[in-house]
Amino acid sequence: MRTALIAASLVLGAGLAAAAQQPAARTYQREVPDSLAAQTRVSEDSARAIAMRRIPRGVVQKLELERERGHLIYSWVLKIAGRAGVEEVNVDALSGRILGVEHEADEPARPDTTKHVQLRTPRPPARRP
């Protein structure tokens, strides 16, 4: 009985350890072309950790891997609860250095610019005597 309990706890412990090592499901939008991902030296998870250290209360909304101004960068968009807009953190995909942090304000709601035109039925041609 005691050996069965020990064996069960070992199996359960191994299962929990394996689950802890698996990356969490990504809940953000990703734009990561395979052609660029093959060129990176810093993993996506490492770049995410670097960005999260810079904006600790942020929640990732989007990731783009892109080439910008000659640098291959991970561009992380993070939302901070209770704050308008988002923070964009650019992490170099080759060195892991933060290349920039920028606050982007929410775009104001655009007014409806659609013109509503009243269509008229054409008038019949005037009769000439």
Protein backbone atom coordinates (compact mmCIF):
# COMPACT_ATOMS: atom_id res chain seq x y z
CA MET A 1 0.00 0.00 0.00
CA ARG A 2 2.75 2.40 0.96
CA THR A 3 4.73 1.67 -2.25
CA ALA A 4 1.61 2.27 -4.35
CA LEU A 5 1.14 5.65 -2.66
CA ILE A 6 4.78 6.59 -3.26
CA ALA A 7 4.59 5.45 -6.90
CA ALA A 8 1.40 7.45 -7.45
CA SER A 9 2.94 10.58 -5.97
CA LEU A 10 6.04 10.17 -8.17
CA VAL A 11 3.90 9.86 -11.31
CA LEU A 12 1.81 12.86 -10.29
CA GLY A 13 4.93 14.89 -9.49
CA ALA A 14 6.51 14.03 -12.85
CA GLY A 15 3.31 15.05 -14.65
CA LEU A 16 3.19 18.39 -12.84
CA ALA A 17 6.86 19.05 -13.60
CA ALA A 18 6.30 18.32 -17.31
CA ALA A 19 3.28 20.62 -17.37
CA ALA A 20 5.25 23.40 -15.70
CA GLN A 21 7.97 23.19 -18.38
CA GLN A 22 5.53 23.55 -21.26
CA PRO A 23 5.04 27.12 -22.46
CA ALA A 24 1.71 28.69 -21.65
CA ALA A 25 -0.80 28.93 -24.47
CA ARG A 26 -0.34 32.16 -26.38
CA THR A 27 -3.38 34.37 -26.13
CA TYR A 28 -2.07 37.24 -28.21
CA GLN A 29 -2.03 37.98 -31.92
CA ARG A 30 1.20 36.83 -33.59
CA GLU A 31 2.68 37.99 -36.87
CA VAL A 32 5.88 35.96 -37.09
CA PRO A 33 6.94 35.03 -40.64
CA ASP A 34 8.88 31.75 -40.76
CA SER A 35 11.49 33.34 -43.03
CA LEU A 36 12.35 35.91 -40.33
CA ALA A 37 11.97 33.50 -37.39
CA ALA A 38 14.75 31.36 -38.88
CA GLN A 39 17.14 34.35 -38.61
CA THR A 40 16.63 35.11 -34.90
CA ARG A 41 19.13 34.33 -32.15
CA VAL A 42 16.82 35.28 -29.27
CA SER A 43 13.78 33.06 -28.74
CA GLU A 44 10.29 34.50 -28.69
CA ASP A 45 9.87 33.50 -25.04
CA SER A 46 13.15 35.20 -24.05
CA ALA A 47 12.18 38.37 -25.92
CA ARG A 48 8.79 38.32 -24.20
CA ALA A 49 10.48 38.05 -20.80
CA ILE A 50 12.73 41.02 -21.68
CA ALA A 51 9.71 43.13 -22.72
CA MET A 52 7.77 42.12 -19.59
CA ARG A 53 10.68 43.18 -17.36
CA ARG A 54 10.47 46.63 -18.95
CA ILE A 55 6.64 46.88 -18.60
CA PRO A 56 5.94 44.54 -15.65
CA ARG A 57 2.20 45.16 -15.34
CA GLY A 58 1.61 44.83 -19.08
CA VAL A 59 -0.43 42.16 -20.78
CA VAL A 60 0.75 41.14 -24.24
CA GLN A 61 -1.77 41.93 -26.95
CA LYS A 62 0.30 41.48 -30.07
CA LEU A 63 3.71 40.41 -31.35
CA GLU A 64 5.28 41.23 -34.69
CA LEU A 65 8.64 39.98 -35.89
CA GLU A 66 9.83 42.46 -38.49
CA ARG A 67 12.82 44.13 -40.03
CA GLU A 68 12.86 47.82 -39.12
CA ARG A 69 15.67 50.28 -39.89
CA GLY A 70 18.08 47.44 -40.57
CA HIS A 71 17.30 45.58 -37.33
CA LEU A 72 15.39 42.33 -36.94
CA ILE A 73 13.06 43.12 -34.05
CA TYR A 74 10.34 41.63 -31.93
CA SER A 75 7.74 44.36 -31.58
CA TRP A 76 5.63 43.68 -28.46
CA VAL A 77 2.37 45.56 -27.87
CA LEU A 78 1.46 45.57 -24.17
CA LYS A 79 -1.68 46.90 -22.48
CA ILE A 80 -1.59 48.19 -18.92
CA ALA A 81 -4.90 47.90 -17.09
CA GLY A 82 -6.45 51.28 -16.28
CA ARG A 83 -4.22 53.21 -18.68
CA ALA A 84 -5.28 54.55 -22.05
CA GLY A 85 -3.33 53.33 -25.06
CA VAL A 86 -0.66 50.67 -25.29
CA GLU A 87 3.09 50.37 -24.81
CA GLU A 88 5.23 49.11 -27.69
CA VAL A 89 8.55 47.51 -26.73
CA ASN A 90 11.04 46.72 -29.51
CA VAL A 91 13.51 43.96 -28.67
CA ASP A 92 16.43 43.17 -30.99
CA ALA A 93 15.95 39.58 -32.17
CA LEU A 94 19.71 39.04 -32.49
CA SER A 95 21.06 40.56 -29.25
CA GLY A 96 18.06 40.80 -26.90
CA ARG A 97 18.67 44.53 -26.36
CA ILE A 98 15.69 46.83 -25.99
CA LEU A 99 15.81 49.19 -28.96
CA GLY A 100 12.90 51.36 -27.93
CA VAL A 101 9.79 51.80 -25.82
CA GLU A 102 6.93 53.95 -27.02
CA HIS A 103 3.50 54.80 -25.67
CA GLU A 104 0.84 54.74 -28.36
CA ALA A 105 -2.40 56.53 -27.54
CA ASP A 106 -5.74 55.07 -28.52
CA GLU A 107 -6.96 56.46 -31.78
CA PRO A 108 -9.89 58.79 -31.23
CA ALA A 109 -13.19 57.63 -32.59
CA ARG A 110 -13.58 58.92 -36.07
CA PRO A 111 -16.80 60.71 -36.89
CA ASP A 112 -18.98 59.14 -39.54
CA THR A 113 -17.86 60.82 -42.75
CA THR A 114 -20.18 58.87 -44.98
CA LYS A 115 -22.26 61.24 -47.05
CA HIS A 116 -25.89 60.39 -47.23
CA VAL A 117 -27.24 61.56 -50.55
CA GLN A 118 -30.92 61.81 -51.26
CA LEU A 119 -31.49 60.35 -54.68
CA ARG A 120 -34.07 62.16 -56.75
CA THR A 121 -36.07 60.68 -59.50
CA PRO A 122 -35.19 62.38 -62.77
CA ARG A 123 -37.62 65.00 -64.02
CA PRO A 124 -39.26 64.32 -67.33
CA PRO A 125 -37.89 66.52 -70.09
CA ALA A 126 -39.71 69.81 -70.53
CA ARG A 127 -42.02 69.91 -73.50
CA ARG A 128 -41.30 72.56 -76.06
CA PRO A 129 -44.10 73.97 -78.25
